[in-house]
Amino acid sequence: MTIEQTYLNFIDGKWSVSATGRLTESINPANSSEIVGYVQDSNEADLDLAVNAANRAKEAWRKLSGAARGDYLFKAANLLEARLEDIAGTMMREMGKTLAECKGETARGVAILRYYAGEGMRKTGDVIPSTDHEAIMFTTRVPLGVVGVITPWNFPVAIPMWKMAPALIYGNTIVIKPAIETSITAAKLLACFEEAGFPPGVVNMVTGDGALIGGGIANHSNIQGITFTGSNKVGKQIGQAALSRGAKYQLEMGGKNPLIVAEDANLDLAVEAAISGGLKSTGQKCTATSRVLVQASIYEAFRAKLLDQVKQLKLGNGKDSTTWMGPCANEKQRDTVLSYINKGIAEGASLLYGGSIPEDEELTNGYYVQPTVFEKVTVDMTIAKEEIFGPVLALIPFVDLKEALSLANDVEYGLSASIYTQNISHILTFISDMDAGLVRINAETAGVELQAPFGGMKQSSSHSREQGQAAIEFFTSIKTVFLKA
């Protein structure tokens, strides 16, 4: 698979060099002078090879029993578990998050594979009474066929696994295009599927430019379904291309997630949730806390506790066990975060802490941004409306829950939201009136359990759901059967 740190495409059960002969380097964001390795800079010809292989393999794969497909997933899970240290270490070097976070995410990938392996033994339909007493009517589910999987760099194990595993267990073959920044991690994942013995063509990977390969997946006539996680701009392009040719698509996109802190909240826990939910993984989560809405009566106390703890966070290389927050995943993302911080200042928000590149000499070669806290943020400001995808918190006071919910809902996104309160009436109102696909009470906004449906409202998704048993809704179609002897 590797030739002097060069990683290949995986097509039709074989590792192959791109038709272009070109390579793209993977850079360690904690030390930009370190090249982690090289991946293929592929083109449409490589994608065609992968899609054709998946198309040839789909009939034999769909005819296997769910239990038989589950056996392959169990084997892949065992291999991933055995290689957890290596894959987590690669993820850390490619993406920048701490080693502890990388190990936790890789372990989650193992759990996702095992969960969906078990789904192969569950029912796929229902018996429905017929008006004809001599007939039986029932439903079953059939796979879409070839599914294109387009994944981002922020969760390079968990997101591919929660897309690939259900696609495969429900009988689809796949072509995955991972983010170029974390394609070496993806290659090591694919090696687990290869060594688990998946038949040639069932699982394929093509690395390369997002617009070229991702756009090619969206427009390819032999791809029947597309599952995408990424930015709203790209997601809408993917959705429009899929819609124009009648392919099924699933989009998980941005968030501008609020944490509401009521006056009866446990302040220590609420502060911890704001910091963990907003700044861990350098804020590079679609479910990260971005806006912290604090009841006016406790605002000063909350702010003081928050700033005291944020100032103690240690930035650094993820391999250092004392590091709490790593760098942004790449230079472009760091510059984007800094541009939002500058917009916040220019539009009149008050910068309480952070807001710049750290001066520590040990961090000069990485794409670091200080954890940043703003206050005096109004709803019309850019940092209150747009997804930053970085370690930036905006503090906003409110008078009562009605105002808090109005502020929380006053964005185009609706992915996740949380509230800290002990008031059962406020909890029920929050559950009812918060426009988000995931609402959490006395827990941070970031955090999704693999057995539960996940997805957003408004501009955060295409209104489909990933993970849990809900995944079957996207990766299959219902077939109704009317049988009369």
Protein backbone atom coordinates (compact mmCIF):
# COMPACT_ATOMS: atom_id res chain seq x y z
CA MET A 1 0.00 0.00 0.00
CA THR A 2 2.87 2.41 0.73
CA ILE A 3 5.91 3.21 -1.36
CA GLU A 4 8.20 5.57 0.55
CA GLN A 5 5.29 7.18 2.40
CA THR A 6 3.19 7.28 -0.74
CA TYR A 7 -0.39 6.11 -0.37
CA LEU A 8 -2.46 4.82 -3.26
CA ASN A 9 -6.06 4.71 -4.39
CA PHE A 10 -7.97 1.54 -3.58
CA ILE A 11 -9.95 0.34 -6.59
CA ASP A 12 -11.44 -3.09 -7.32
CA GLY A 13 -9.59 -4.72 -4.44
CA LYS A 14 -6.17 -3.34 -5.42
CA TRP A 15 -3.98 -0.40 -4.49
CA SER A 16 -3.31 1.65 -7.59
CA VAL A 17 -1.43 4.74 -8.73
CA SER A 18 -3.50 7.56 -10.20
CA ALA A 19 -3.66 7.98 -13.96
CA THR A 20 -2.30 11.50 -13.47
CA GLY A 21 0.97 10.40 -11.92
CA ARG A 22 0.65 13.37 -9.57
CA LEU A 23 0.85 13.38 -5.77
CA THR A 24 -0.38 15.71 -3.04
CA GLU A 25 1.48 16.08 0.22
CA SER A 26 -0.20 15.72 3.60
CA ILE A 27 1.12 18.31 6.08
CA ASN A 28 1.17 18.08 9.86
CA PRO A 29 -0.76 21.20 11.00
CA ALA A 30 1.13 21.22 14.30
CA ASN A 31 4.41 21.50 12.37
CA SER A 32 4.00 22.63 8.79
CA SER A 33 7.55 21.61 7.93
CA GLU A 34 6.66 17.96 8.51
CA ILE A 35 5.25 16.00 5.58
CA VAL A 36 3.19 13.07 6.86
CA GLY A 37 3.15 11.42 3.43
CA TYR A 38 1.87 11.69 -0.11
CA VAL A 39 -1.50 10.72 -1.60
CA GLN A 40 -2.79 10.42 -5.15
CA ASP A 41 -3.96 13.54 -6.98
CA SER A 42 -6.56 11.67 -9.00
CA ASN A 43 -8.76 12.60 -11.96
CA GLU A 44 -12.03 11.56 -13.61
CA ALA A 45 -10.43 8.46 -15.13
CA ASP A 46 -9.55 7.15 -11.69
CA LEU A 47 -13.07 7.87 -10.46
CA ASP A 48 -14.56 6.02 -13.44
CA LEU A 49 -12.46 2.97 -12.63
CA ALA A 50 -13.69 3.00 -9.04
CA VAL A 51 -17.35 3.54 -9.93
CA ASN A 52 -17.25 0.83 -12.60
CA ALA A 53 -15.72 -1.59 -10.10
CA ALA A 54 -18.43 -0.78 -7.56
CA ASN A 55 -21.09 -1.17 -10.24
CA ARG A 56 -19.82 -4.62 -11.20
CA ALA A 57 -19.70 -5.74 -7.58
CA LYS A 58 -23.12 -4.51 -6.47
CA GLU A 59 -25.28 -7.45 -7.57
CA ALA A 60 -23.24 -10.12 -5.82
CA TRP A 61 -22.91 -7.98 -2.70
CA ARG A 62 -26.62 -7.21 -2.41
CA LYS A 63 -27.50 -10.92 -2.74
CA LEU A 64 -25.50 -11.83 0.34
CA SER A 65 -27.53 -12.14 3.51
CA GLY A 66 -27.37 -9.32 6.02
CA ALA A 67 -25.64 -11.68 8.42
CA ALA A 68 -22.96 -12.48 5.85
CA ARG A 69 -22.32 -8.80 5.19
CA GLY A 70 -22.20 -8.26 8.94
CA ASP A 71 -19.42 -10.81 9.25
CA TYR A 72 -17.24 -8.66 6.99
CA LEU A 73 -17.94 -5.61 9.13
CA PHE A 74 -17.07 -7.50 12.30
CA LYS A 75 -13.72 -8.49 10.78
CA ALA A 76 -13.02 -4.90 9.74
CA ALA A 77 -13.88 -3.74 13.27
CA ASN A 78 -11.42 -6.19 14.80
CA LEU A 79 -8.66 -5.04 12.45
CA LEU A 80 -9.38 -1.38 13.19
CA GLU A 81 -9.28 -2.11 16.91
CA ALA A 82 -5.93 -3.89 16.54
CA ARG A 83 -4.51 -0.88 14.68
CA LEU A 84 -6.06 1.77 16.91
CA GLU A 85 -2.73 3.22 18.08
CA ASP A 86 -1.31 3.55 14.58
CA ILE A 87 -4.45 5.01 13.01
CA ALA A 88 -5.01 7.41 15.90
CA GLY A 89 -1.40 8.56 15.65
CA THR A 90 -1.78 9.14 11.92
CA MET A 91 -4.98 11.11 12.47
CA MET A 92 -3.22 13.28 15.05
CA ARG A 93 -0.38 14.07 12.62
CA GLU A 94 -2.73 14.79 9.71
CA MET A 95 -5.53 16.68 11.45
CA GLY A 96 -3.94 18.10 14.60
CA LYS A 97 -6.33 17.12 17.39
CA THR A 98 -4.90 15.62 20.57
CA LEU A 99 -3.86 11.98 20.67
CA ALA A 100 -6.46 11.26 23.36
CA GLU A 101 -9.22 12.62 21.11
CA CYS A 102 -7.87 10.63 18.16
CA LYS A 103 -7.85 7.41 20.16
CA GLY A 104 -11.39 8.06 21.33
CA GLU A 105 -12.57 8.71 17.78
CA THR A 106 -10.89 5.57 16.44
CA ALA A 107 -12.50 3.51 19.20
CA ARG A 108 -15.80 5.01 18.18
CA GLY A 109 -15.15 3.85 14.63
CA VAL A 110 -14.75 0.33 15.95
CA ALA A 111 -18.04 0.60 17.83
CA ILE A 112 -19.84 1.93 14.74
CA LEU A 113 -18.67 -1.01 12.64
CA ARG A 114 -19.83 -3.49 15.28
CA TYR A 115 -23.17 -1.76 15.71
CA TYR A 116 -23.95 -1.94 12.00
CA ALA A 117 -22.61 -5.46 11.72
CA GLY A 118 -25.41 -6.39 14.12
CA GLU A 119 -27.93 -4.52 11.97
CA GLY A 120 -27.53 -7.27 9.40
CA MET A 121 -29.72 -9.47 11.61
CA ARG A 122 -32.58 -7.00 12.03
CA LYS A 123 -35.85 -6.91 10.12
CA THR A 124 -36.03 -4.99 6.85
CA GLY A 125 -39.79 -4.79 6.41
CA ASP A 126 -43.31 -5.24 7.77
CA VAL A 127 -46.37 -7.33 7.01
CA ILE A 128 -49.35 -5.12 6.07
CA PRO A 129 -52.96 -6.32 6.05
CA SER A 130 -54.43 -6.58 2.56
CA THR A 131 -58.04 -5.92 1.65
CA ASP A 132 -57.88 -9.21 -0.29
CA HIS A 133 -58.18 -12.01 2.25
CA GLU A 134 -56.47 -14.42 -0.15
CA ALA A 135 -53.34 -12.29 -0.44
CA ILE A 136 -50.42 -11.31 1.72
CA MET A 137 -48.77 -7.91 1.51
CA PHE A 138 -45.43 -6.95 2.98
CA THR A 139 -42.53 -4.54 2.55
CA THR A 140 -38.85 -5.20 2.15
CA ARG A 141 -35.92 -2.90 1.53
CA VAL A 142 -33.47 -2.86 -1.35
CA PRO A 143 -30.10 -1.09 -1.55
CA LEU A 144 -29.61 1.97 -3.72
CA GLY A 145 -26.69 0.42 -5.61
CA VAL A 146 -23.44 2.39 -5.76
CA VAL A 147 -23.10 5.08 -3.08
CA GLY A 148 -20.63 7.94 -3.25
CA VAL A 149 -19.23 8.93 0.14
CA ILE A 150 -17.70 12.41 0.53
CA THR A 151 -16.18 13.10 3.95
CA PRO A 152 -14.49 16.05 5.70
CA TRP A 153 -11.21 16.29 7.61
CA ASN A 154 -12.51 17.05 11.09
CA PHE A 155 -13.56 13.47 11.98
CA PRO A 156 -11.51 11.34 9.57
CA VAL A 157 -12.46 8.01 11.17
CA ALA A 158 -15.91 8.49 12.74
CA ILE A 159 -17.64 10.18 9.80
CA PRO A 160 -16.40 7.73 7.12
CA MET A 161 -17.40 4.85 9.39
CA TRP A 162 -20.90 6.14 10.11
CA LYS A 163 -21.47 6.51 6.37
CA MET A 164 -19.67 3.44 5.03
CA ALA A 165 -20.87 0.92 7.62
CA PRO A 166 -24.64 1.40 7.08
CA ALA A 167 -24.20 1.73 3.32
CA LEU A 168 -22.45 -1.64 3.26
CA ILE A 169 -24.65 -3.55 5.70
CA TYR A 170 -27.75 -2.58 3.73
CA GLY A 171 -26.24 -3.99 0.55
CA ASN A 172 -24.65 -1.04 -1.26
CA THR A 173 -21.17 -0.82 -2.72
CA ILE A 174 -19.23 2.38 -2.16
CA VAL A 175 -16.72 4.85 -3.55
CA ILE A 176 -15.30 7.15 -0.92
CA LYS A 177 -13.57 10.48 -1.52
CA PRO A 178 -11.97 11.53 1.79
CA ALA A 179 -10.76 15.05 2.49
CA ILE A 180 -7.32 15.48 1.00
CA GLU A 181 -5.96 16.66 4.39
CA THR A 182 -6.70 13.29 6.02
CA SER A 183 -6.40 10.87 3.10
CA ILE A 184 -3.58 8.88 4.71
CA THR A 185 -5.84 8.14 7.68
CA ALA A 186 -8.50 7.08 5.16
CA ALA A 187 -6.04 4.78 3.38
CA LYS A 188 -5.28 3.04 6.65
CA LEU A 189 -9.01 2.60 7.24
CA LEU A 190 -9.43 1.07 3.78
CA ALA A 191 -6.60 -1.36 4.53
CA CYS A 192 -8.79 -2.77 7.33
CA PHE A 193 -11.59 -3.41 4.83
CA GLU A 194 -9.14 -4.96 2.38
CA GLU A 195 -7.70 -7.35 4.96
CA ALA A 196 -11.18 -8.19 6.23
CA GLY A 197 -11.69 -9.82 2.83
CA PHE A 198 -14.35 -7.57 1.32
CA PRO A 199 -14.92 -8.73 -2.29
CA PRO A 200 -13.18 -6.62 -4.96
CA GLY A 201 -15.18 -3.55 -5.93
CA VAL A 202 -17.37 -3.43 -2.83
CA VAL A 203 -15.22 -0.76 -1.16
CA ASN A 204 -13.23 1.74 -3.23
CA MET A 205 -11.32 4.94 -2.45
CA VAL A 206 -10.18 7.75 -4.73
CA THR A 207 -8.23 10.70 -3.32
CA GLY A 208 -7.81 14.10 -4.90
CA ASP A 209 -9.23 17.56 -5.39
CA GLY A 210 -12.64 18.07 -3.80
CA ALA A 211 -14.19 19.95 -6.69
CA LEU A 212 -12.95 17.45 -9.26
CA ILE A 213 -13.54 14.12 -7.51
CA GLY A 214 -16.42 15.23 -5.29
CA GLY A 215 -18.09 16.94 -8.22
CA GLY A 216 -17.48 13.86 -10.32
CA ILE A 217 -19.24 11.71 -7.74
CA ALA A 218 -22.22 14.07 -7.67
CA ASN A 219 -22.55 13.95 -11.45
CA HIS A 220 -21.68 10.31 -12.17
CA SER A 221 -24.53 8.44 -13.85
CA ASN A 222 -23.64 5.13 -12.17
CA ILE A 223 -23.78 6.48 -8.62
CA GLN A 224 -27.29 6.12 -7.22
CA GLY A 225 -26.78 7.77 -3.82
CA ILE A 226 -24.47 10.41 -2.36
CA THR A 227 -23.81 11.00 1.33
CA PHE A 228 -21.91 14.19 2.09
CA THR A 229 -20.65 16.03 5.15
CA GLY A 230 -19.05 19.44 4.72
CA SER A 231 -19.75 23.09 4.07
CA ASN A 232 -23.12 24.50 3.07
CA LYS A 233 -21.74 25.94 -0.16
CA VAL A 234 -20.37 22.62 -1.39
CA GLY A 235 -23.30 20.64 -0.01
CA LYS A 236 -25.80 22.66 -2.01
CA GLN A 237 -23.73 22.11 -5.16
CA ILE A 238 -23.71 18.37 -4.49
CA GLY A 239 -27.45 18.34 -3.84
CA GLN A 240 -28.29 20.30 -6.99
CA ALA A 241 -26.15 18.02 -9.15
CA ALA A 242 -27.71 14.89 -7.65
CA LEU A 243 -31.24 16.27 -7.96
CA SER A 244 -30.75 17.14 -11.62
CA ARG A 245 -30.13 13.50 -12.49
CA GLY A 246 -32.47 11.88 -9.98
CA ALA A 247 -29.89 10.49 -7.55
CA LYS A 248 -30.65 10.27 -3.85
CA TYR A 249 -28.57 12.59 -1.67
CA GLN A 250 -27.91 13.19 1.99
CA LEU A 251 -26.26 16.41 3.19
CA GLU A 252 -24.94 17.20 6.66
CA MET A 253 -23.58 20.73 6.75
CA GLY A 254 -23.04 23.66 9.10
CA GLY A 255 -24.12 24.71 12.54
CA LYS A 256 -24.17 27.84 14.71
CA ASN A 257 -24.97 26.06 17.90
CA PRO A 258 -26.20 27.83 21.05
CA LEU A 259 -25.63 26.94 24.67
CA ILE A 260 -28.25 28.53 26.94
CA VAL A 261 -27.24 29.03 30.58
CA ALA A 262 -30.17 29.82 32.87
CA GLU A 263 -29.82 31.50 36.26
CA ASP A 264 -30.47 28.24 38.12
CA ALA A 265 -27.76 26.35 36.24
CA ASN A 266 -24.76 24.75 37.90
CA LEU A 267 -22.23 27.37 36.77
CA ASP A 268 -19.20 25.12 37.02
CA LEU A 269 -20.80 22.49 34.79
CA ALA A 270 -22.09 25.11 32.36
CA VAL A 271 -18.64 26.70 32.02
CA GLU A 272 -17.11 23.28 31.47
CA ALA A 273 -19.69 22.59 28.76
CA ALA A 274 -19.01 25.89 27.01
CA ILE A 275 -15.27 25.25 26.95
CA SER A 276 -15.45 21.58 25.99
CA GLY A 277 -18.25 22.03 23.47
CA GLY A 278 -16.83 25.18 21.92
CA LEU A 279 -13.05 24.84 22.05
CA LYS A 280 -12.16 21.15 22.10
CA SER A 281 -10.93 19.90 18.71
CA THR A 282 -10.10 23.59 18.16
CA GLY A 283 -13.80 24.24 17.63
CA GLN A 284 -13.72 22.23 14.41
CA LYS A 285 -16.98 20.36 14.91
CA CYS A 286 -20.27 21.00 13.19
CA THR A 287 -21.91 20.59 16.63
CA ALA A 288 -19.44 22.88 18.43
CA THR A 289 -20.82 25.55 20.72
CA SER A 290 -20.47 28.94 19.02
CA ARG A 291 -22.88 31.19 20.93
CA VAL A 292 -23.18 31.13 24.73
CA LEU A 293 -26.43 32.75 25.86
CA VAL A 294 -26.27 33.58 29.56
CA GLN A 295 -29.08 34.92 31.75
CA ALA A 296 -28.28 38.50 32.74
CA SER A 297 -28.53 37.83 36.49
CA ILE A 298 -25.55 35.43 36.38
CA TYR A 299 -23.71 36.84 33.37
CA GLU A 300 -20.84 38.46 35.29
CA ALA A 301 -20.20 35.38 37.41
CA PHE A 302 -20.31 33.08 34.40
CA ARG A 303 -17.96 35.29 32.38
CA ALA A 304 -15.41 35.43 35.19
CA LYS A 305 -15.35 31.65 35.62
CA LEU A 306 -15.17 31.08 31.86
CA LEU A 307 -12.26 33.46 31.30
CA ASP A 308 -10.36 32.08 34.26
CA GLN A 309 -10.50 28.57 32.81
CA VAL A 310 -9.94 29.52 29.16
CA LYS A 311 -6.72 31.29 30.13
CA GLN A 312 -5.43 28.02 31.58
CA LEU A 313 -5.89 25.96 28.39
CA LYS A 314 -2.64 24.70 26.94
CA LEU A 315 -2.09 24.84 23.19
CA GLY A 316 0.38 22.51 21.55
CA ASN A 317 1.19 19.44 19.55
CA GLY A 318 -1.37 16.70 20.06
CA LYS A 319 1.31 14.14 20.88
CA ASP A 320 2.07 15.99 24.13
CA SER A 321 -0.18 14.51 26.82
CA THR A 322 -0.46 17.90 28.53
CA THR A 323 -1.88 19.59 25.40
CA TRP A 324 -5.56 20.51 25.65
CA MET A 325 -6.06 22.15 22.23
CA GLY A 326 -4.19 21.57 19.01
CA PRO A 327 -3.90 23.66 15.83
CA CYS A 328 -6.42 24.36 13.10
CA ALA A 329 -6.36 21.57 10.54
CA ASN A 330 -4.67 23.61 7.80
CA GLU A 331 -3.42 27.07 6.96
CA LYS A 332 -6.58 28.04 5.09
CA GLN A 333 -8.75 27.16 8.07
CA ARG A 334 -6.53 29.13 10.44
CA ASP A 335 -6.72 32.16 8.17
CA THR A 336 -10.50 31.80 7.94
CA VAL A 337 -10.81 31.77 11.73
CA LEU A 338 -8.57 34.83 12.03
CA SER A 339 -10.65 36.66 9.42
CA TYR A 340 -13.81 36.04 11.45
CA ILE A 341 -12.11 37.30 14.59
CA ASN A 342 -11.09 40.47 12.75
CA LYS A 343 -14.68 40.90 11.51
CA GLY A 344 -15.93 40.60 15.08
CA ILE A 345 -13.60 43.34 16.23
CA ALA A 346 -14.39 45.55 13.22
CA GLU A 347 -18.16 45.19 13.76
CA GLY A 348 -17.93 46.30 17.38
CA ALA A 349 -17.76 43.13 19.46
CA SER A 350 -15.54 43.31 22.53
CA LEU A 351 -12.60 40.88 22.50
CA LEU A 352 -12.18 39.51 26.02
CA TYR A 353 -9.41 37.00 25.36
CA GLY A 354 -7.32 35.51 22.58
CA GLY A 355 -7.97 36.48 19.01
CA SER A 356 -4.53 36.00 17.50
CA ILE A 357 -1.73 33.58 16.68
CA PRO A 358 0.13 32.54 19.86
CA GLU A 359 3.60 34.00 20.33
CA ASP A 360 5.14 30.85 21.81
CA GLU A 361 8.18 29.93 19.67
CA GLU A 362 7.31 26.23 19.91
CA LEU A 363 4.05 26.92 18.06
CA THR A 364 5.35 29.13 15.25
CA ASN A 365 5.47 26.32 12.69
CA GLY A 366 1.88 25.23 13.32
CA TYR A 367 -1.52 26.62 12.36
CA TYR A 368 -2.47 27.72 15.86
CA VAL A 369 -5.07 30.24 16.97
CA GLN A 370 -5.61 31.22 20.59
CA PRO A 371 -8.94 30.25 22.15
CA THR A 372 -11.02 33.37 21.72
CA VAL A 373 -13.91 34.89 23.70
CA PHE A 374 -16.07 37.83 22.60
CA GLU A 375 -18.82 39.74 24.38
CA LYS A 376 -21.12 42.61 23.40
CA VAL A 377 -22.10 40.54 20.38
CA THR A 378 -25.34 41.49 18.62
CA VAL A 379 -27.41 39.23 16.40
CA ASP A 380 -26.58 41.19 13.25
CA MET A 381 -22.82 40.63 13.61
CA THR A 382 -21.06 38.15 11.34
CA ILE A 383 -19.66 36.16 14.26
CA ALA A 384 -23.21 35.72 15.59
CA LYS A 385 -24.62 34.43 12.30
CA GLU A 386 -21.99 32.52 10.34
CA GLU A 387 -20.23 29.27 11.16
CA ILE A 388 -16.61 29.97 12.11
CA PHE A 389 -15.40 26.38 12.63
CA GLY A 390 -12.74 27.49 15.07
CA PRO A 391 -12.11 28.14 18.77
CA VAL A 392 -14.29 31.23 19.09
CA LEU A 393 -17.06 31.80 21.66
CA ALA A 394 -19.54 34.70 21.60
CA LEU A 395 -21.17 35.60 24.93
CA ILE A 396 -24.68 37.04 24.69
CA PRO A 397 -26.83 37.96 27.73
CA PHE A 398 -30.60 37.43 27.86
CA VAL A 399 -33.40 38.41 30.23
CA ASP A 400 -35.70 35.38 30.14
CA LEU A 401 -36.12 32.06 28.33
CA LYS A 402 -38.39 33.57 25.68
CA GLU A 403 -35.64 35.96 24.66
CA ALA A 404 -33.01 33.21 24.86
CA LEU A 405 -34.94 30.98 22.46
CA SER A 406 -35.56 33.89 20.12
CA LEU A 407 -31.83 34.61 20.01
CA ALA A 408 -30.93 30.94 19.71
CA ASN A 409 -33.27 30.40 16.76
CA ASP A 410 -32.30 33.60 14.95
CA VAL A 411 -29.81 31.95 12.56
CA GLU A 412 -30.13 29.95 9.36
CA TYR A 413 -28.77 26.81 10.99
CA GLY A 414 -30.45 24.25 13.24
CA LEU A 415 -28.03 21.46 14.04
CA SER A 416 -27.56 21.19 17.81
CA ALA A 417 -28.39 23.20 20.94
CA SER A 418 -28.20 22.75 24.68
CA ILE A 419 -29.49 24.31 27.87
CA TYR A 420 -28.29 24.25 31.46
CA THR A 421 -31.18 24.58 33.90
CA GLN A 422 -32.99 22.66 36.65
CA ASN A 423 -36.40 24.10 35.78
CA ILE A 424 -38.55 21.37 34.25
CA SER A 425 -40.86 23.91 32.62
CA HIS A 426 -37.88 25.57 30.92
CA ILE A 427 -36.57 22.18 29.84
CA LEU A 428 -39.87 21.22 28.20
CA THR A 429 -40.19 24.60 26.50
CA PHE A 430 -36.63 24.30 25.19
CA ILE A 431 -37.30 20.82 23.80
CA SER A 432 -40.47 22.02 22.13
CA ASP A 433 -39.37 25.40 20.77
CA MET A 434 -35.68 25.00 19.91
CA ASP A 435 -35.26 24.61 16.13
CA ALA A 436 -32.48 22.04 16.11
CA GLY A 437 -32.17 18.41 15.14
CA LEU A 438 -30.27 17.59 18.35
CA VAL A 439 -31.19 19.16 21.69
CA ARG A 440 -29.28 18.35 24.87
CA ILE A 441 -30.19 19.24 28.43
CA ASN A 442 -27.42 19.80 30.96
CA ALA A 443 -24.87 18.57 28.43
CA GLU A 444 -22.68 20.32 25.87
CA THR A 445 -23.87 20.88 22.30
CA ALA A 446 -21.18 18.59 20.87
CA GLY A 447 -21.76 14.91 21.39
CA VAL A 448 -23.63 12.38 19.26
CA GLU A 449 -24.27 8.78 20.24
CA LEU A 450 -23.84 6.33 17.38
CA GLN A 451 -27.12 4.48 18.03
CA ALA A 452 -29.21 7.67 17.82
CA PRO A 453 -30.36 9.54 14.68
CA PHE A 454 -28.26 12.60 13.85
CA GLY A 455 -29.05 15.52 11.55
CA GLY A 456 -30.13 19.11 11.48
CA MET A 457 -32.99 21.42 10.62
CA LYS A 458 -33.11 24.53 8.42
CA GLN A 459 -29.84 24.98 6.49
CA SER A 460 -27.90 22.41 8.51
CA SER A 461 -28.93 19.39 6.47
CA SER A 462 -31.07 17.94 3.72
CA HIS A 463 -33.46 16.86 6.51
CA SER A 464 -32.36 13.24 6.38
CA ARG A 465 -30.79 11.51 9.37
CA GLU A 466 -27.58 9.60 9.85
CA GLN A 467 -26.56 6.94 12.37
CA GLY A 468 -28.63 4.53 14.41
CA GLN A 469 -31.42 2.58 12.77
CA ALA A 470 -32.48 5.77 10.99
CA ALA A 471 -29.62 5.24 8.53
CA ILE A 472 -31.64 2.58 6.72
CA GLU A 473 -34.00 5.29 5.50
CA PHE A 474 -31.34 6.83 3.29
CA PHE A 475 -29.34 3.81 2.17
CA THR A 476 -32.32 1.73 1.01
CA SER A 477 -35.60 2.07 -0.83
CA ILE A 478 -38.84 0.43 0.27
CA LYS A 479 -40.31 -2.23 -2.01
CA THR A 480 -43.94 -3.18 -1.40
CA VAL A 481 -44.88 -6.75 -2.27
CA PHE A 482 -48.42 -7.98 -2.97
CA LEU A 483 -48.52 -11.79 -3.12
CA LYS A 484 -51.49 -13.88 -4.17
CA ALA A 485 -51.28 -17.59 -4.83
